[in-house]
Amino acid sequence: MRFEAPPILHKRHLLFNKGESIILFGNYCKMLLNFGKIRLETVKSRSEDSPERYQELLDKINADSVYYEENPNVCHVEAFAFLDVNKDGRLPRESVIETLTPGGERYEEFHNTLKLGGWLYLFEDGR
């Protein structure tokens, strides 16, 4: 007996619905915040000659983090709405991958929508 997957399974590989997207964004943000905290320590150790720059980064990051940590679901829903350009409740996988790729056209704007744009300053200059 040959088994054929229902068409919905094929579509899921190409599109994210709102629920799947929110889970993806939550996992992505958790990873970004964990990696960012490690990176922050590196920046701190290298910023001894420029404590003002480090404090600027820290202030921006803390402001973003507080809002995100208090309102993660709001941020995820807003991020979904930002990416749902067709307003059909689905996100094409390629669009999501492109947006999450550093240097992508909508990368910075997406992170600002998540209220985590301040974390990007940690990664921008390679220090």
N, C-alpha and C. Protein backbone atom coordinates (compact mmCIF):
# COMPACT_ATOMS: atom_id res chain seq x y z
N MET A 1 0.85 -1.18 0.00
CA MET A 1 0.00 0.00 0.00
C MET A 1 0.89 1.23 0.00
N ARG A 2 0.63 2.13 -0.89
CA ARG A 2 1.41 3.36 -1.01
C ARG A 2 0.71 4.49 -0.26
N PHE A 3 1.50 5.21 0.53
CA PHE A 3 0.96 6.32 1.31
C PHE A 3 1.27 7.64 0.62
N GLU A 4 0.27 8.48 0.48
CA GLU A 4 0.48 9.81 -0.08
C GLU A 4 0.09 10.84 0.97
N ALA A 5 0.99 11.74 1.21
CA ALA A 5 0.72 12.79 2.19
C ALA A 5 -0.34 13.74 1.65
N PRO A 6 -1.23 14.18 2.52
CA PRO A 6 -2.22 15.15 2.08
C PRO A 6 -1.53 16.43 1.62
N PRO A 7 -2.10 17.15 0.69
CA PRO A 7 -1.48 18.37 0.14
C PRO A 7 -1.08 19.40 1.19
N ILE A 8 -1.81 19.49 2.29
CA ILE A 8 -1.50 20.50 3.31
C ILE A 8 -0.07 20.32 3.83
N LEU A 9 0.42 19.11 3.90
CA LEU A 9 1.79 18.89 4.37
C LEU A 9 2.80 19.47 3.40
N HIS A 10 2.53 19.36 2.14
CA HIS A 10 3.43 19.93 1.14
C HIS A 10 3.45 21.45 1.25
N LYS A 11 2.31 22.04 1.46
CA LYS A 11 2.23 23.49 1.57
C LYS A 11 2.95 24.00 2.81
N ARG A 12 2.92 23.22 3.88
CA ARG A 12 3.56 23.66 5.12
C ARG A 12 5.05 23.85 4.96
N HIS A 13 5.63 23.13 4.05
CA HIS A 13 7.07 23.27 3.85
C HIS A 13 7.41 24.59 3.16
N LEU A 14 6.44 25.19 2.53
CA LEU A 14 6.68 26.42 1.79
C LEU A 14 6.17 27.67 2.51
N LEU A 15 5.22 27.50 3.41
CA LEU A 15 4.57 28.63 4.06
C LEU A 15 4.54 28.44 5.58
N PHE A 16 4.65 29.54 6.30
CA PHE A 16 4.45 29.53 7.74
C PHE A 16 3.12 30.21 8.02
N ASN A 17 2.28 29.59 8.86
CA ASN A 17 1.07 30.29 9.28
C ASN A 17 1.40 31.13 10.51
N LYS A 18 0.43 31.84 11.03
CA LYS A 18 0.69 32.76 12.13
C LYS A 18 1.23 32.04 13.36
N GLY A 19 0.63 30.93 13.73
CA GLY A 19 1.08 30.18 14.91
C GLY A 19 2.51 29.68 14.76
N GLU A 20 2.81 29.10 13.61
CA GLU A 20 4.17 28.61 13.36
C GLU A 20 5.17 29.76 13.37
N SER A 21 4.78 30.88 12.81
CA SER A 21 5.67 32.04 12.74
C SER A 21 5.98 32.58 14.13
N ILE A 22 4.96 32.64 14.97
CA ILE A 22 5.15 33.16 16.32
C ILE A 22 6.09 32.26 17.11
N ILE A 23 5.96 30.95 16.94
CA ILE A 23 6.89 30.02 17.59
C ILE A 23 8.30 30.23 17.06
N LEU A 24 8.43 30.36 15.74
CA LEU A 24 9.73 30.61 15.12
C LEU A 24 10.34 31.90 15.65
N PHE A 25 9.56 32.99 15.70
CA PHE A 25 10.07 34.26 16.18
C PHE A 25 10.50 34.17 17.64
N GLY A 26 9.71 33.47 18.45
CA GLY A 26 10.06 33.30 19.86
C GLY A 26 11.39 32.59 20.02
N ASN A 27 11.57 31.50 19.27
CA ASN A 27 12.83 30.76 19.34
C ASN A 27 13.99 31.60 18.81
N TYR A 28 13.76 32.32 17.74
CA TYR A 28 14.79 33.17 17.16
C TYR A 28 15.21 34.26 18.16
N CYS A 29 14.24 34.89 18.79
CA CYS A 29 14.53 35.97 19.74
C CYS A 29 15.29 35.44 20.95
N LYS A 30 14.89 34.27 21.42
CA LYS A 30 15.59 33.66 22.55
C LYS A 30 17.07 33.43 22.20
N MET A 31 17.31 32.91 20.98
CA MET A 31 18.67 32.68 20.53
C MET A 31 19.42 34.00 20.39
N LEU A 32 18.78 35.00 19.80
CA LEU A 32 19.41 36.31 19.62
C LEU A 32 19.79 36.92 20.96
N LEU A 33 18.89 36.86 21.93
CA LEU A 33 19.17 37.44 23.25
C LEU A 33 20.30 36.69 23.96
N ASN A 34 20.29 35.36 23.88
CA ASN A 34 21.37 34.58 24.52
C ASN A 34 22.71 34.88 23.87
N PHE A 35 22.76 34.87 22.56
CA PHE A 35 24.00 35.17 21.85
C PHE A 35 24.42 36.62 22.10
N GLY A 36 23.45 37.51 22.13
CA GLY A 36 23.74 38.93 22.37
C GLY A 36 24.36 39.16 23.73
N LYS A 37 23.91 38.43 24.74
CA LYS A 37 24.49 38.59 26.09
C LYS A 37 25.94 38.14 26.11
N ILE A 38 26.25 37.09 25.38
CA ILE A 38 27.64 36.64 25.27
C ILE A 38 28.46 37.69 24.54
N ARG A 39 27.91 38.20 23.45
CA ARG A 39 28.60 39.21 22.64
C ARG A 39 28.80 40.49 23.44
N LEU A 40 27.85 40.82 24.29
CA LEU A 40 27.94 42.02 25.12
C LEU A 40 29.15 41.94 26.04
N GLU A 41 29.41 40.78 26.58
CA GLU A 41 30.59 40.61 27.44
C GLU A 41 31.88 40.83 26.65
N THR A 42 31.91 40.35 25.40
CA THR A 42 33.08 40.56 24.55
C THR A 42 33.27 42.05 24.27
N VAL A 43 32.17 42.72 23.94
CA VAL A 43 32.26 44.15 23.66
C VAL A 43 32.72 44.90 24.91
N LYS A 44 32.22 44.49 26.06
CA LYS A 44 32.61 45.14 27.31
C LYS A 44 34.11 45.00 27.54
N SER A 45 34.63 43.81 27.34
CA SER A 45 36.06 43.60 27.58
C SER A 45 36.92 44.38 26.59
N ARG A 46 36.40 44.62 25.40
CA ARG A 46 37.16 45.36 24.39
C ARG A 46 36.88 46.86 24.42
N SER A 47 35.94 47.27 25.25
CA SER A 47 35.55 48.68 25.29
C SER A 47 36.16 49.43 26.46
N GLU A 48 37.15 48.83 27.08
CA GLU A 48 37.74 49.50 28.23
C GLU A 48 38.30 50.86 27.86
N ASP A 49 38.72 51.02 26.62
CA ASP A 49 39.22 52.31 26.17
C ASP A 49 38.09 53.26 25.79
N SER A 50 36.87 52.74 25.68
CA SER A 50 35.72 53.56 25.29
C SER A 50 34.48 53.19 26.11
N PRO A 51 34.51 53.49 27.41
CA PRO A 51 33.35 53.12 28.25
C PRO A 51 32.07 53.84 27.85
N GLU A 52 32.19 55.01 27.20
CA GLU A 52 30.99 55.74 26.78
C GLU A 52 30.24 54.96 25.69
N ARG A 53 31.00 54.40 24.75
CA ARG A 53 30.38 53.62 23.67
C ARG A 53 29.68 52.38 24.24
N TYR A 54 30.33 51.73 25.16
CA TYR A 54 29.74 50.55 25.79
C TYR A 54 28.45 50.94 26.51
N GLN A 55 28.47 52.04 27.25
CA GLN A 55 27.28 52.47 27.98
C GLN A 55 26.14 52.84 27.04
N GLU A 56 26.47 53.46 25.91
CA GLU A 56 25.45 53.77 24.89
C GLU A 56 24.77 52.49 24.40
N LEU A 57 25.59 51.50 24.07
CA LEU A 57 25.05 50.21 23.61
C LEU A 57 24.18 49.58 24.69
N LEU A 58 24.69 49.59 25.90
CA LEU A 58 23.97 48.97 27.01
C LEU A 58 22.62 49.64 27.24
N ASP A 59 22.58 50.97 27.19
CA ASP A 59 21.32 51.69 27.38
C ASP A 59 20.31 51.35 26.29
N LYS A 60 20.74 51.32 25.03
CA LYS A 60 19.85 50.99 23.92
C LYS A 60 19.34 49.56 24.05
N ILE A 61 20.25 48.65 24.35
CA ILE A 61 19.88 47.24 24.48
C ILE A 61 18.91 47.03 25.63
N ASN A 62 19.19 47.66 26.77
CA ASN A 62 18.31 47.49 27.92
C ASN A 62 16.91 48.02 27.65
N ALA A 63 16.81 49.16 26.98
CA ALA A 63 15.49 49.71 26.65
C ALA A 63 14.71 48.74 25.76
N ASP A 64 15.37 48.22 24.74
CA ASP A 64 14.72 47.25 23.85
C ASP A 64 14.34 45.98 24.60
N SER A 65 15.27 45.47 25.39
CA SER A 65 15.05 44.20 26.08
C SER A 65 13.89 44.26 27.05
N VAL A 66 13.78 45.35 27.78
CA VAL A 66 12.69 45.49 28.75
C VAL A 66 11.34 45.41 28.03
N TYR A 67 11.20 46.17 26.95
CA TYR A 67 9.93 46.13 26.22
C TYR A 67 9.66 44.73 25.68
N TYR A 68 10.65 44.12 25.06
CA TYR A 68 10.45 42.78 24.48
C TYR A 68 10.10 41.77 25.57
N GLU A 69 10.84 41.76 26.66
CA GLU A 69 10.61 40.77 27.71
C GLU A 69 9.25 40.93 28.38
N GLU A 70 8.74 42.17 28.42
CA GLU A 70 7.41 42.41 29.00
C GLU A 70 6.29 42.13 28.01
N ASN A 71 6.58 42.18 26.71
CA ASN A 71 5.54 42.06 25.67
C ASN A 71 5.96 41.15 24.52
N PRO A 72 6.47 39.95 24.78
CA PRO A 72 6.96 39.13 23.66
C PRO A 72 5.87 38.78 22.66
N ASN A 73 4.68 38.47 23.13
CA ASN A 73 3.61 38.09 22.20
C ASN A 73 3.20 39.25 21.30
N VAL A 74 3.16 40.45 21.85
CA VAL A 74 2.84 41.64 21.05
C VAL A 74 3.90 41.82 19.98
N CYS A 75 5.17 41.68 20.37
CA CYS A 75 6.27 41.85 19.40
C CYS A 75 6.20 40.80 18.30
N HIS A 76 5.88 39.56 18.66
CA HIS A 76 5.81 38.49 17.66
C HIS A 76 4.65 38.72 16.69
N VAL A 77 3.51 39.14 17.20
CA VAL A 77 2.36 39.41 16.34
C VAL A 77 2.67 40.59 15.40
N GLU A 78 3.32 41.62 15.92
CA GLU A 78 3.70 42.76 15.07
C GLU A 78 4.71 42.33 14.00
N ALA A 79 5.63 41.45 14.37
CA ALA A 79 6.62 40.95 13.41
C ALA A 79 5.92 40.14 12.32
N PHE A 80 4.93 39.35 12.70
CA PHE A 80 4.18 38.58 11.71
C PHE A 80 3.47 39.54 10.75
N ALA A 81 2.82 40.56 11.29
CA ALA A 81 2.11 41.53 10.45
C ALA A 81 3.08 42.25 9.51
N PHE A 82 4.28 42.55 9.99
CA PHE A 82 5.30 43.21 9.17
C PHE A 82 5.68 42.33 7.98
N LEU A 83 5.82 41.03 8.21
CA LEU A 83 6.24 40.13 7.14
C LEU A 83 5.09 39.68 6.23
N ASP A 84 3.88 39.77 6.73
CA ASP A 84 2.72 39.31 5.96
C ASP A 84 2.30 40.38 4.95
N VAL A 85 3.15 40.59 3.96
CA VAL A 85 2.91 41.67 2.99
C VAL A 85 1.67 41.43 2.14
N ASN A 86 1.30 40.17 1.91
CA ASN A 86 0.11 39.86 1.12
C ASN A 86 -1.17 39.89 1.96
N LYS A 87 -1.01 39.98 3.27
CA LYS A 87 -2.13 40.00 4.22
C LYS A 87 -3.03 38.77 4.04
N ASP A 88 -2.39 37.62 3.79
CA ASP A 88 -3.15 36.38 3.63
C ASP A 88 -2.95 35.42 4.80
N GLY A 89 -2.26 35.87 5.84
CA GLY A 89 -2.06 35.03 7.02
C GLY A 89 -0.99 33.97 6.86
N ARG A 90 -0.18 34.09 5.82
CA ARG A 90 0.89 33.11 5.56
C ARG A 90 2.17 33.83 5.15
N LEU A 91 3.27 33.26 5.58
CA LEU A 91 4.57 33.82 5.22
C LEU A 91 5.34 32.81 4.39
N PRO A 92 5.76 33.20 3.19
CA PRO A 92 6.59 32.29 2.39
C PRO A 92 7.93 32.05 3.08
N ARG A 93 8.34 30.80 3.13
CA ARG A 93 9.58 30.42 3.80
C ARG A 93 10.77 31.25 3.29
N GLU A 94 10.86 31.46 1.98
CA GLU A 94 11.98 32.22 1.42
C GLU A 94 12.00 33.64 1.96
N SER A 95 10.83 34.24 2.12
CA SER A 95 10.74 35.59 2.64
C SER A 95 11.22 35.65 4.09
N VAL A 96 10.85 34.66 4.88
CA VAL A 96 11.27 34.60 6.29
C VAL A 96 12.78 34.43 6.37
N ILE A 97 13.31 33.50 5.59
CA ILE A 97 14.76 33.26 5.61
C ILE A 97 15.51 34.50 5.17
N GLU A 98 15.03 35.14 4.12
CA GLU A 98 15.68 36.36 3.62
C GLU A 98 15.68 37.46 4.68
N THR A 99 14.58 37.59 5.40
CA THR A 99 14.46 38.63 6.42
C THR A 99 15.36 38.35 7.61
N LEU A 100 15.56 37.09 7.94
CA LEU A 100 16.40 36.73 9.09
C LEU A 100 17.89 36.65 8.74
N THR A 101 18.22 36.82 7.48
CA THR A 101 19.62 36.76 7.05
C THR A 101 20.27 38.13 7.24
N PRO A 102 21.35 38.19 8.04
CA PRO A 102 22.02 39.48 8.24
C PRO A 102 22.38 40.13 6.91
N GLY A 103 22.11 41.42 6.84
CA GLY A 103 22.38 42.18 5.62
C GLY A 103 21.24 42.14 4.63
N GLY A 104 20.21 41.35 4.92
CA GLY A 104 19.05 41.29 4.04
C GLY A 104 18.32 42.62 3.99
N GLU A 105 17.53 42.78 2.96
CA GLU A 105 16.84 44.04 2.71
C GLU A 105 15.98 44.51 3.89
N ARG A 106 15.32 43.57 4.57
CA ARG A 106 14.39 43.95 5.64
C ARG A 106 14.89 43.54 7.03
N TYR A 107 16.14 43.12 7.12
CA TYR A 107 16.71 42.58 8.36
C TYR A 107 16.60 43.56 9.53
N GLU A 108 17.11 44.76 9.34
CA GLU A 108 17.12 45.73 10.44
C GLU A 108 15.70 46.16 10.81
N GLU A 109 14.88 46.41 9.81
CA GLU A 109 13.51 46.84 10.07
C GLU A 109 12.72 45.75 10.81
N PHE A 110 12.96 44.50 10.46
CA PHE A 110 12.31 43.38 11.15
C PHE A 110 12.69 43.37 12.62
N HIS A 111 13.97 43.54 12.92
CA HIS A 111 14.42 43.53 14.31
C HIS A 111 13.88 44.73 15.08
N ASN A 112 13.75 45.86 14.41
CA ASN A 112 13.13 47.02 15.06
C ASN A 112 11.66 46.74 15.36
N THR A 113 10.99 46.02 14.48
CA THR A 113 9.60 45.65 14.71
C THR A 113 9.48 44.74 15.92
N LEU A 114 10.44 43.85 16.09
CA LEU A 114 10.47 42.97 17.26
C LEU A 114 10.88 43.72 18.53
N LYS A 115 11.29 44.95 18.39
CA LYS A 115 11.81 45.79 19.48
C LYS A 115 13.15 45.26 19.98
N LEU A 116 13.92 44.67 19.08
CA LEU A 116 15.25 44.17 19.41
C LEU A 116 16.33 44.76 18.51
N GLY A 117 16.02 45.88 17.89
CA GLY A 117 16.98 46.51 16.99
C GLY A 117 18.27 46.93 17.67
N GLY A 118 18.20 47.28 18.94
CA GLY A 118 19.40 47.69 19.67
C GLY A 118 20.46 46.60 19.73
N TRP A 119 20.02 45.36 19.74
CA TRP A 119 20.97 44.25 19.80
C TRP A 119 21.82 44.18 18.54
N LEU A 120 21.31 44.68 17.43
CA LEU A 120 22.07 44.62 16.18
C LEU A 120 23.35 45.44 16.24
N TYR A 121 23.36 46.48 17.10
CA TYR A 121 24.56 47.31 17.22
C TYR A 121 25.74 46.50 17.75
N LEU A 122 25.47 45.43 18.46
CA LEU A 122 26.54 44.58 18.97
C LEU A 122 27.27 43.85 17.85
N PHE A 123 26.59 43.64 16.75
CA PHE A 123 27.14 42.81 15.69
C PHE A 123 27.61 43.61 14.47
N GLU A 124 27.30 44.91 14.44
CA GLU A 124 27.50 45.68 13.22
C GLU A 124 28.96 45.95 12.87
N ASP A 125 29.81 46.15 13.86
CA ASP A 125 31.17 46.54 13.51
C ASP A 125 32.19 45.44 13.70
N GLY A 126 31.75 44.26 14.10
CA GLY A 126 32.67 43.12 14.21
C GLY A 126 33.63 43.20 15.37
N ARG A 127 33.43 44.15 16.27
CA ARG A 127 34.33 44.26 17.42
C ARG A 127 33.95 43.30 18.50
